[in-house]
């Protein structure tokens, strides 16, 4: 023994009074002459640790407040019970805790989000059951995701979108895990295929013979002439490259004309924006037919009683353009795709009638609608075992966009079957990404955070 050493250690209050423990500890000498430190202080386990100014009980109280309230709020609460600590001291006690062991759940969700749109992306990983964020990876590469899975064994299910990078990373990093494709992304891909099909067959539901709008313009005449010329050359056996050289056109333009058997598929109809008067078109038409000299103010009062929210100027312009007498303009391909993708129970009577008129005029769209309804049943009733039959039916048809969609499902077959069978989805992961975006917009309004899942396209409404 070399001497004695005195320490003062604060403890929890007793009956509102502060408690300070004074310790008289021995200072010992090491008998090993080669020891770097010849003397050292005696320690009291359970009462005072090295360099500690508080007992373990008092330290546990400080840490509990820091975990619940963090620095400034925790220091304010500790001051009411006699511990005068700064917020930095409270945070230091919190940061001195050892990191908890990683607890990787059996089911996880993975998705990407943009840190700087178009330039830098990151990957977020969450617990698919509790929706707790587990980790954020610096990029969205499959190699990085596979490395994370190898470092965290035990994952049995991975919820993801249709990303091929995450699919490859899951196969390489956790081959034992079941991959579950997100159902919303499946519907989104199906809606894109339906829109392409509606665009290819828009001539079936557009009244080209009416001669309205731009159908009489030079653009339409040039389209008709170019279509006839290209198909005439194709009939002579001329290749697409040679046609593009002769007509001085881009190769993709020639391919677009070659794929269209009818010129009507390349000609758009009259474009008119919807107005507040459109729901009352039939009433205005019938009233003006029964009473040609009816005043506009009288019509305005009548439709206002029926729920019209617009003003008189809009009604005057609507009638002056002759839109009350004209036939209802044909719907756009995107509108038709939305109607097809919508559950019939959620379609209004007017839209249901217009959709039926479109389907009656186009056999291909009618067949596609039946396939969409069948796929919706597979999804809502969790009947993934029927997916192969649905794919075989689509591949046997001549609906090229739907066939491409079915071929894509075969590439990701096991994950799609799991998505149509299991109750998991990637929705919670998208929700965490949305929180990141909203928080960044609050903190940095001029930043460029945006989820890559929000790409433009037809939303699968109602399914």
Protein backbone atom coordinates (compact mmCIF):
# COMPACT_ATOMS: atom_id res chain seq x y z
CA UNK A 1 0.00 0.00 0.00
CA UNK A 2 1.37 3.35 -1.05
CA UNK A 3 -1.20 5.63 0.61
CA UNK A 4 -4.82 6.69 0.67
CA UNK A 5 -7.09 8.46 -1.82
CA UNK A 6 -10.37 10.28 -1.12
CA UNK A 7 -13.33 10.38 -3.57
CA UNK A 8 -16.77 11.97 -3.44
CA UNK A 9 -19.56 10.14 -5.31
CA UNK A 10 -23.12 11.51 -5.69
CA UNK A 11 -26.03 9.16 -5.07
CA UNK A 12 -29.79 9.41 -5.45
CA UNK A 13 -31.63 11.66 -3.05
CA UNK A 14 -33.19 10.28 0.09
CA UNK A 15 -36.41 11.94 1.27
CA UNK A 16 -35.62 14.99 -0.82
CA UNK A 17 -32.14 15.48 0.65
CA UNK A 18 -28.97 15.24 -1.46
CA UNK A 19 -26.66 12.30 -0.73
CA UNK A 20 -22.89 12.49 -1.18
CA UNK A 21 -20.74 9.46 -0.38
CA UNK A 22 -17.14 10.09 0.74
CA UNK A 23 -14.77 7.21 0.09
CA UNK A 24 -11.30 6.66 1.56
CA UNK A 25 -9.63 4.28 -0.88
CA UNK A 26 -6.18 2.76 -0.83
CA UNK A 27 -3.54 3.64 -3.35
CA UNK A 28 -1.60 0.47 -4.10
CA UNK A 29 1.88 -0.24 -5.44
CA UNK A 30 2.53 -2.87 -8.11
CA UNK A 31 5.37 -5.22 -7.20
CA UNK A 32 6.16 -5.86 -10.85
CA UNK A 33 9.07 -3.58 -11.66
CA UNK A 34 8.32 -3.79 -15.41
CA UNK A 35 4.77 -2.44 -14.96
CA UNK A 36 4.14 0.83 -16.76
CA UNK A 37 2.12 2.18 -13.84
CA UNK A 38 3.77 1.70 -10.45
CA UNK A 39 0.75 2.83 -8.41
CA UNK A 40 -3.01 2.54 -8.95
CA UNK A 41 -6.21 3.31 -7.01
CA UNK A 42 -8.44 0.75 -5.40
CA UNK A 43 -11.89 0.34 -6.98
CA UNK A 44 -15.18 -0.44 -5.24
CA UNK A 45 -17.36 -2.60 -7.52
CA UNK A 46 -21.01 -1.57 -7.51
CA UNK A 47 -20.32 1.76 -5.83
CA UNK A 48 -17.77 3.75 -7.82
CA UNK A 49 -16.31 3.02 -11.23
CA UNK A 50 -13.19 4.49 -12.80
CA UNK A 51 -13.40 8.27 -13.07
CA UNK A 52 -17.06 8.08 -12.01
CA UNK A 53 -18.66 10.92 -10.03
CA UNK A 54 -21.99 9.14 -9.50
CA UNK A 55 -23.02 5.78 -8.14
CA UNK A 56 -24.42 3.19 -10.56
CA UNK A 57 -27.94 3.90 -9.25
CA UNK A 58 -27.61 7.63 -9.91
CA UNK A 59 -26.06 6.96 -13.32
CA UNK A 60 -28.99 4.67 -14.21
CA UNK A 61 -31.40 7.49 -13.33
CA UNK A 62 -29.54 9.95 -15.56
CA UNK A 63 -29.47 7.46 -18.44
CA UNK A 64 -33.22 6.75 -18.07
CA UNK A 65 -34.00 10.47 -18.40
CA UNK A 66 -31.61 10.80 -21.35
CA UNK A 67 -33.21 7.88 -23.17
CA UNK A 68 -36.70 9.29 -22.68
CA UNK A 69 -36.10 13.03 -23.13
CA UNK A 70 -32.59 13.48 -24.63
CA UNK A 71 -30.31 16.32 -23.55
CA UNK A 72 -32.01 19.60 -22.74
CA UNK A 73 -35.34 18.16 -21.57
CA UNK A 74 -33.57 15.44 -19.60
CA UNK A 75 -31.38 18.00 -17.82
CA UNK A 76 -34.48 20.01 -16.89
CA UNK A 77 -36.18 16.96 -15.37
CA UNK A 78 -33.03 15.92 -13.48
CA UNK A 79 -32.77 19.42 -12.00
CA UNK A 80 -36.15 18.95 -10.31
CA UNK A 81 -34.84 15.89 -8.45
CA UNK A 82 -31.51 17.41 -7.43
CA UNK A 83 -29.12 16.50 -10.25
CA UNK A 84 -27.74 19.72 -11.71
CA UNK A 85 -26.29 18.55 -15.00
CA UNK A 86 -25.87 20.26 -18.34
CA UNK A 87 -27.44 18.88 -21.47
CA UNK A 88 -23.97 17.91 -22.69
CA UNK A 89 -23.36 15.83 -19.58
CA UNK A 90 -26.70 14.09 -20.04
CA UNK A 91 -25.88 13.28 -23.65
CA UNK A 92 -22.38 12.10 -22.66
CA UNK A 93 -23.90 9.61 -20.23
CA UNK A 94 -26.17 8.42 -23.02
CA UNK A 95 -23.40 8.09 -25.58
CA UNK A 96 -21.24 6.14 -23.12
CA UNK A 97 -23.71 3.26 -23.26
CA UNK A 98 -22.58 0.28 -25.34
CA UNK A 99 -24.43 -0.19 -28.61
CA UNK A 100 -27.24 -2.74 -28.32
CA UNK A 101 -26.66 -6.00 -30.18
CA UNK A 102 -28.20 -6.00 -33.66
CA UNK A 103 -31.65 -7.51 -33.67
CA UNK A 104 -32.47 -8.36 -37.27
CA UNK A 105 -36.07 -9.56 -37.69
CA UNK A 106 -37.11 -12.47 -39.85
CA UNK A 107 -39.06 -10.24 -42.28
CA UNK A 108 -37.66 -6.97 -43.67
CA UNK A 109 -38.73 -4.39 -46.25
CA UNK A 110 -36.33 -2.60 -48.59
CA UNK A 111 -36.78 0.39 -50.88
CA UNK A 112 -34.75 3.26 -52.32
CA UNK A 113 -35.17 7.01 -52.07
CA UNK A 114 -33.44 9.97 -53.68
CA UNK A 115 -31.00 12.06 -51.69
CA UNK A 116 -30.41 14.22 -54.76
CA UNK A 117 -32.84 13.37 -57.48
CA UNK A 118 -31.25 11.81 -60.53
CA UNK A 119 -27.77 11.79 -58.99
CA UNK A 120 -27.63 10.14 -55.58
CA UNK A 121 -29.87 7.49 -54.04
CA UNK A 122 -29.90 5.53 -50.79
CA UNK A 123 -31.55 2.36 -49.54
CA UNK A 124 -33.69 2.08 -46.42
CA UNK A 125 -34.32 -1.23 -44.63
CA UNK A 126 -37.16 -1.64 -42.10
CA UNK A 127 -38.79 -4.34 -40.02
CA UNK A 128 -41.72 -5.58 -42.10
CA UNK A 129 -43.77 -6.34 -38.96
CA UNK A 130 -43.07 -3.46 -36.53
CA UNK A 131 -42.14 -0.96 -39.30
CA UNK A 132 -39.04 0.05 -37.33
CA UNK A 133 -36.16 1.45 -39.37
CA UNK A 134 -33.15 -0.89 -39.23
CA UNK A 135 -30.51 0.69 -41.43
CA UNK A 136 -29.82 3.11 -44.29
CA UNK A 137 -27.38 2.06 -47.00
CA UNK A 138 -25.37 4.69 -48.93
CA UNK A 139 -26.58 3.58 -52.39
CA UNK A 140 -29.12 1.32 -54.09
CA UNK A 141 -26.76 -1.25 -55.58
CA UNK A 142 -27.48 -4.95 -55.28
CA UNK A 143 -23.90 -5.60 -54.12
CA UNK A 144 -24.31 -3.28 -51.12
CA UNK A 145 -27.63 -4.89 -50.18
CA UNK A 146 -26.14 -8.38 -50.46
CA UNK A 147 -23.22 -7.36 -48.21
CA UNK A 148 -25.67 -6.09 -45.58
CA UNK A 149 -27.61 -9.36 -45.68
CA UNK A 150 -24.43 -11.38 -45.17
CA UNK A 151 -23.57 -9.30 -42.12
CA UNK A 152 -27.08 -9.80 -40.71
CA UNK A 153 -27.96 -13.48 -41.08
CA UNK A 154 -31.36 -14.75 -40.08
CA UNK A 155 -33.55 -12.87 -42.59
CA UNK A 156 -36.27 -15.20 -43.84
CA UNK A 157 -38.47 -12.86 -45.93
CA UNK A 158 -37.66 -9.75 -48.01
CA UNK A 159 -40.43 -7.40 -49.21
CA UNK A 160 -39.33 -5.36 -52.22
CA UNK A 161 -40.55 -3.70 -55.38
CA UNK A 162 -39.81 -4.97 -58.92
CA UNK A 163 -36.20 -3.76 -58.77
CA UNK A 164 -33.78 -6.23 -60.34
CA UNK A 165 -30.91 -4.85 -58.23
CA UNK A 166 -32.61 -5.74 -54.94
CA UNK A 167 -33.68 -9.10 -56.37
CA UNK A 168 -30.08 -9.97 -57.25
CA UNK A 169 -28.82 -8.68 -53.91
CA UNK A 170 -31.36 -10.81 -52.04
CA UNK A 171 -30.40 -13.92 -54.03
CA UNK A 172 -26.68 -13.41 -53.38
CA UNK A 173 -26.86 -12.21 -49.78
CA UNK A 174 -29.69 -14.35 -48.39
CA UNK A 175 -30.46 -17.26 -50.72
CA UNK A 176 -32.57 -18.90 -48.01
CA UNK A 177 -34.93 -15.91 -47.77
CA UNK A 178 -38.32 -15.74 -49.55
CA UNK A 179 -38.64 -12.68 -51.78
CA UNK A 180 -42.08 -11.03 -51.79
CA UNK A 181 -42.95 -8.67 -54.67
CA UNK A 182 -45.08 -5.68 -53.76
CA UNK A 183 -48.68 -5.90 -54.98
CA UNK A 184 -49.02 -2.18 -55.69
CA UNK A 185 -46.08 -2.29 -58.08
CA UNK A 186 -47.61 -5.32 -59.81
CA UNK A 187 -50.79 -3.33 -60.41
CA UNK A 188 -48.76 -0.34 -61.55
CA UNK A 189 -46.93 -2.45 -64.15
CA UNK A 190 -50.24 -3.97 -65.27
CA UNK A 191 -51.79 -0.52 -65.65
CA UNK A 192 -48.87 0.59 -67.83
CA UNK A 193 -49.42 -2.42 -70.08
CA UNK A 194 -53.14 -1.63 -70.34
CA UNK A 195 -52.37 1.97 -71.25
CA UNK A 196 -50.05 0.83 -74.04
CA UNK A 197 -52.78 -1.47 -75.33
CA UNK A 198 -55.39 1.31 -75.20
CA UNK A 199 -52.98 3.61 -77.03
CA UNK A 200 -52.49 1.02 -79.77
CA UNK A 201 -56.27 0.56 -80.20
CA UNK A 202 -57.38 4.14 -79.68
CA UNK A 203 -58.74 4.17 -83.21
CA UNK A 204 -61.47 1.81 -81.99
CA UNK A 205 -62.97 4.37 -79.64
CA UNK A 206 -62.08 7.62 -81.39
CA UNK A 207 -64.53 9.00 -83.94
CA UNK A 208 -62.03 9.96 -86.65
CA UNK A 209 -64.72 10.38 -89.32
CA UNK A 210 -66.32 13.39 -87.60
CA UNK A 211 -63.65 15.71 -88.98
CA UNK A 212 -63.52 17.76 -85.77
CA UNK A 213 -60.60 19.69 -84.40
CA UNK A 214 -57.19 18.93 -85.73
CA UNK A 215 -58.28 15.86 -87.77
CA UNK A 216 -58.54 18.20 -90.83
CA UNK A 217 -55.17 19.86 -90.27
CA UNK A 218 -51.87 19.40 -92.08
CA UNK A 219 -50.52 17.15 -89.31
CA UNK A 220 -53.21 14.54 -89.94
CA UNK A 221 -52.75 14.73 -93.71
CA UNK A 222 -49.00 14.26 -93.31
CA UNK A 223 -49.59 11.32 -90.95
CA UNK A 224 -51.94 9.62 -93.43
CA UNK A 225 -49.54 10.14 -96.34
CA UNK A 226 -46.52 8.92 -94.37
CA UNK A 227 -48.40 5.84 -93.14
CA UNK A 228 -49.49 4.91 -96.66
CA UNK A 229 -45.96 5.38 -98.05
CA UNK A 230 -44.25 3.33 -95.33
CA UNK A 231 -46.71 0.45 -95.62
CA UNK A 232 -46.42 0.49 -99.40
CA UNK A 233 -42.64 0.13 -99.11
CA UNK A 234 -43.04 -2.61 -96.52
CA UNK A 235 -45.30 -4.43 -98.95
CA UNK A 236 -42.47 -4.33 -101.48
CA UNK A 237 -40.11 -5.98 -99.00
CA UNK A 238 -38.06 -2.87 -98.17
CA UNK A 239 -36.36 -3.01 -94.75
CA UNK A 240 -36.97 -0.42 -92.03
CA UNK A 241 -33.45 1.00 -92.30
CA UNK A 242 -33.82 1.54 -96.05
CA UNK A 243 -37.23 3.19 -95.56
CA UNK A 244 -35.75 5.55 -92.97
CA UNK A 245 -32.96 6.46 -95.41
CA UNK A 246 -35.31 7.05 -98.34
CA UNK A 247 -37.84 9.14 -96.42
CA UNK A 248 -35.24 10.89 -94.23
CA UNK A 249 -36.95 9.72 -91.05
CA UNK A 250 -35.68 8.36 -87.76
CA UNK A 251 -35.64 4.58 -87.48
CA UNK A 252 -37.90 4.62 -84.42
CA UNK A 253 -40.44 6.71 -86.35
CA UNK A 254 -40.50 4.15 -89.15
CA UNK A 255 -40.95 1.34 -86.62
CA UNK A 256 -43.84 3.20 -85.00
CA UNK A 257 -45.65 3.55 -88.33
CA UNK A 258 -44.86 -0.05 -89.24
CA UNK A 259 -46.40 -1.37 -86.03
CA UNK A 260 -49.69 0.47 -86.67
CA UNK A 261 -51.85 -1.50 -89.13
CA UNK A 262 -54.39 1.37 -89.25
CA UNK A 263 -53.57 5.03 -89.53
CA UNK A 264 -56.31 5.86 -87.01
CA UNK A 265 -54.09 4.44 -84.29
CA UNK A 266 -51.62 7.26 -84.93
CA UNK A 267 -54.12 10.12 -85.07
CA UNK A 268 -55.35 11.74 -81.88
CA UNK A 269 -58.88 12.97 -81.51
CA UNK A 270 -60.18 16.32 -80.37
CA UNK A 271 -58.71 17.44 -77.06
CA UNK A 272 -61.02 19.40 -74.81
CA UNK A 273 -60.53 20.04 -71.15
CA UNK A 274 -63.29 18.92 -68.84
CA UNK A 275 -65.40 21.67 -67.30
CA UNK A 276 -67.95 21.96 -64.53
CA UNK A 277 -70.71 22.01 -67.16
CA UNK A 278 -69.94 18.54 -68.53
CA UNK A 279 -72.12 16.61 -66.02
CA UNK A 280 -75.15 18.66 -67.14
CA UNK A 281 -74.58 18.28 -70.92
CA UNK A 282 -77.53 15.93 -71.45
CA UNK A 283 -79.90 18.23 -69.56
CA UNK A 284 -78.80 21.29 -71.57
CA UNK A 285 -79.10 19.39 -74.85
CA UNK A 286 -82.62 18.14 -74.10
CA UNK A 287 -83.83 21.57 -72.88
CA UNK A 288 -82.48 23.40 -75.95
CA UNK A 289 -83.96 20.74 -78.23
CA UNK A 290 -87.39 21.05 -76.58
CA UNK A 291 -87.27 24.86 -76.32
CA UNK A 292 -84.76 26.38 -78.78
CA UNK A 293 -85.20 29.93 -77.48
CA UNK A 294 -84.70 29.18 -73.80
CA UNK A 295 -82.69 31.86 -72.00
CA UNK A 296 -79.25 31.06 -70.68
CA UNK A 297 -80.18 32.47 -67.29
CA UNK A 298 -83.02 29.97 -67.09
CA UNK A 299 -80.64 27.12 -67.88
CA UNK A 300 -78.21 28.48 -65.29
CA UNK A 301 -80.87 28.41 -62.56
CA UNK A 302 -81.89 24.89 -63.50
CA UNK A 303 -78.40 23.40 -63.43
CA UNK A 304 -77.54 25.30 -60.23
CA UNK A 305 -80.46 23.58 -58.57
CA UNK A 306 -78.98 20.30 -59.84
CA UNK A 307 -75.58 21.02 -58.22
CA UNK A 308 -73.71 23.20 -60.73
CA UNK A 309 -70.90 25.12 -58.97
CA UNK A 310 -69.65 27.29 -61.84
CA UNK A 311 -70.60 30.74 -63.04
CA UNK A 312 -72.56 32.21 -65.93
CA UNK A 313 -69.45 33.07 -68.02
CA UNK A 314 -68.42 29.43 -68.17
CA UNK A 315 -71.92 28.40 -69.23
CA UNK A 316 -72.06 31.09 -71.95
CA UNK A 317 -68.69 29.98 -73.36
CA UNK A 318 -69.74 26.34 -73.21
CA UNK A 319 -72.91 27.01 -75.22
CA UNK A 320 -71.19 29.35 -77.69
CA UNK A 321 -68.64 26.64 -78.54
CA UNK A 322 -71.50 24.28 -79.36
CA UNK A 323 -70.33 21.70 -76.86
CA UNK A 324 -73.87 21.06 -75.63
CA UNK A 325 -74.91 19.94 -79.13
CA UNK A 326 -71.69 18.11 -80.02
CA UNK A 327 -71.28 14.47 -79.26
CA UNK A 328 -69.25 13.72 -76.19
CA UNK A 329 -65.54 13.65 -77.13
CA UNK A 330 -63.89 10.25 -77.05
CA UNK A 331 -61.88 9.42 -73.93
CA UNK A 332 -58.11 9.41 -73.97
CA UNK A 333 -56.20 6.11 -73.85
CA UNK A 334 -55.04 6.89 -70.33
CA UNK A 335 -58.63 7.51 -69.21
CA UNK A 336 -59.73 4.22 -70.73
CA UNK A 337 -56.86 2.45 -68.96
CA UNK A 338 -57.93 3.97 -65.63
CA UNK A 339 -61.52 2.81 -66.19
CA UNK A 340 -60.34 -0.72 -66.99
CA UNK A 341 -58.08 -0.83 -63.92
CA UNK A 342 -60.82 0.44 -61.60
CA UNK A 343 -63.04 -1.95 -59.71
CA UNK A 344 -66.49 -1.87 -61.41
CA UNK A 345 -68.11 -1.27 -58.02
CA UNK A 346 -66.28 2.09 -57.80
CA UNK A 347 -67.15 3.29 -61.31
CA UNK A 348 -69.90 5.87 -61.61
CA UNK A 349 -72.88 4.88 -63.79
CA UNK A 350 -71.85 7.30 -66.53
CA UNK A 351 -68.28 6.04 -66.69
CA UNK A 352 -69.43 2.44 -66.59
CA UNK A 353 -71.64 3.10 -69.63
CA UNK A 354 -68.83 4.82 -71.54
CA UNK A 355 -66.41 2.00 -70.70
CA UNK A 356 -68.91 -0.56 -71.97
CA UNK A 357 -69.26 1.41 -75.22
CA UNK A 358 -65.48 1.34 -75.65
CA UNK A 359 -65.28 -2.39 -74.93
CA UNK A 360 -68.14 -3.15 -77.33
CA UNK A 361 -66.19 -1.42 -80.08
CA UNK A 362 -62.86 -3.17 -79.44
CA UNK A 363 -62.57 -6.91 -78.91
CA UNK A 364 -58.93 -6.70 -77.78
CA UNK A 365 -59.70 -4.22 -75.00
CA UNK A 366 -62.61 -6.39 -73.91
CA UNK A 367 -60.33 -9.42 -73.64
CA UNK A 368 -57.76 -7.34 -71.75
CA UNK A 369 -60.44 -6.19 -69.29
CA UNK A 370 -61.34 -9.81 -68.54
CA UNK A 371 -57.67 -10.59 -67.85
CA UNK A 372 -57.42 -7.57 -65.55
CA UNK A 373 -60.48 -8.65 -63.57
CA UNK A 374 -59.03 -12.16 -63.20
CA UNK A 375 -55.68 -10.78 -62.01
CA UNK A 376 -57.49 -8.55 -59.52
CA UNK A 377 -59.23 -11.62 -58.09
CA UNK A 378 -55.85 -13.34 -57.71
CA UNK A 379 -54.54 -10.36 -55.81
CA UNK A 380 -57.49 -9.59 -53.54
CA UNK A 381 -58.26 -13.23 -52.71
CA UNK A 382 -54.57 -14.21 -52.23
CA UNK A 383 -54.66 -16.94 -54.87
CA UNK A 384 -51.06 -17.00 -56.01
CA UNK A 385 -51.33 -20.65 -57.03
CA UNK A 386 -53.50 -19.59 -60.00
CA UNK A 387 -50.85 -17.27 -61.41
CA UNK A 388 -49.44 -19.82 -63.86
CA UNK A 389 -52.86 -20.41 -65.41
CA UNK A 390 -53.37 -16.66 -65.82
CA UNK A 391 -49.95 -16.24 -67.45
CA UNK A 392 -50.64 -19.09 -69.90
CA UNK A 393 -53.97 -17.51 -70.91
CA UNK A 394 -52.35 -14.13 -71.53
CA UNK A 395 -49.46 -15.62 -73.49
CA UNK A 396 -51.93 -17.47 -75.71
CA UNK A 397 -53.64 -14.18 -76.69
CA UNK A 398 -52.48 -11.60 -79.23
CA UNK A 399 -52.36 -8.74 -76.69
CA UNK A 400 -48.69 -7.82 -76.99
CA UNK A 401 -48.39 -5.38 -74.03
CA UNK A 402 -50.08 -7.87 -71.71
CA UNK A 403 -47.89 -10.66 -73.03
CA UNK A 404 -44.80 -8.60 -72.21
CA UNK A 405 -46.17 -8.05 -68.70
CA UNK A 406 -46.72 -11.80 -68.29
CA UNK A 407 -43.19 -12.55 -69.52
CA UNK A 408 -41.88 -10.18 -66.87
CA UNK A 409 -43.83 -12.04 -64.21
CA UNK A 410 -42.14 -15.28 -65.26
CA UNK A 411 -38.71 -13.71 -64.70
CA UNK A 412 -39.70 -12.84 -61.11
CA UNK A 413 -42.08 -15.78 -60.70
CA UNK A 414 -41.40 -16.90 -57.13
CA UNK A 415 -41.48 -13.37 -55.72
CA UNK A 416 -44.75 -12.59 -57.53
CA UNK A 417 -46.38 -15.78 -56.25
CA UNK A 418 -45.27 -14.87 -52.71
CA UNK A 419 -46.66 -11.34 -53.15
CA UNK A 420 -50.04 -12.69 -54.27
CA UNK A 421 -50.14 -15.20 -51.40
CA UNK A 422 -48.49 -13.73 -48.29
CA UNK A 423 -49.96 -10.81 -46.30
CA UNK A 424 -46.72 -8.78 -46.45
CA UNK A 425 -46.25 -5.77 -48.72
CA UNK A 426 -43.79 -2.95 -49.29
CA UNK A 427 -46.31 -0.32 -48.20
CA UNK A 428 -44.74 0.27 -44.74
CA UNK A 429 -41.37 0.86 -46.40
CA UNK A 430 -42.92 3.40 -48.75
CA UNK A 431 -44.45 5.06 -45.68
CA UNK A 432 -41.04 5.43 -44.03
CA UNK A 433 -39.66 6.88 -47.27
CA UNK A 434 -42.55 9.35 -47.34
CA UNK A 435 -41.71 10.43 -43.78
CA UNK A 436 -38.12 11.06 -44.85
CA UNK A 437 -39.34 13.18 -47.77
CA UNK A 438 -41.78 15.16 -45.63
CA UNK A 439 -39.22 15.75 -42.88
CA UNK A 440 -36.66 16.95 -45.41
CA UNK A 441 -39.20 19.31 -46.98
CA UNK A 442 -39.83 20.81 -43.54
CA UNK A 443 -36.15 21.16 -42.67
CA UNK A 444 -34.81 21.92 -46.17
CA UNK A 445 -37.64 23.15 -48.43
CA UNK A 446 -35.29 23.65 -51.41
CA UNK A 447 -33.86 20.13 -51.29
CA UNK A 448 -34.49 17.47 -53.94
CA UNK A 449 -35.61 14.50 -51.86
CA UNK A 450 -38.05 12.35 -53.74
CA UNK A 451 -38.90 8.65 -53.79
CA UNK A 452 -38.10 6.82 -56.98
CA UNK A 453 -41.43 5.01 -56.60
CA UNK A 454 -43.35 8.12 -57.55
CA UNK A 455 -42.79 7.81 -61.26
CA UNK A 456 -45.44 9.05 -63.64
CA UNK A 457 -47.97 6.53 -64.84
CA UNK A 458 -51.51 5.34 -64.53
CA UNK A 459 -52.47 4.77 -60.92
CA UNK A 460 -54.27 1.47 -60.28
CA UNK A 461 -57.28 3.07 -58.61
CA UNK A 462 -59.86 1.05 -56.74
CA UNK A 463 -58.32 -2.43 -56.85
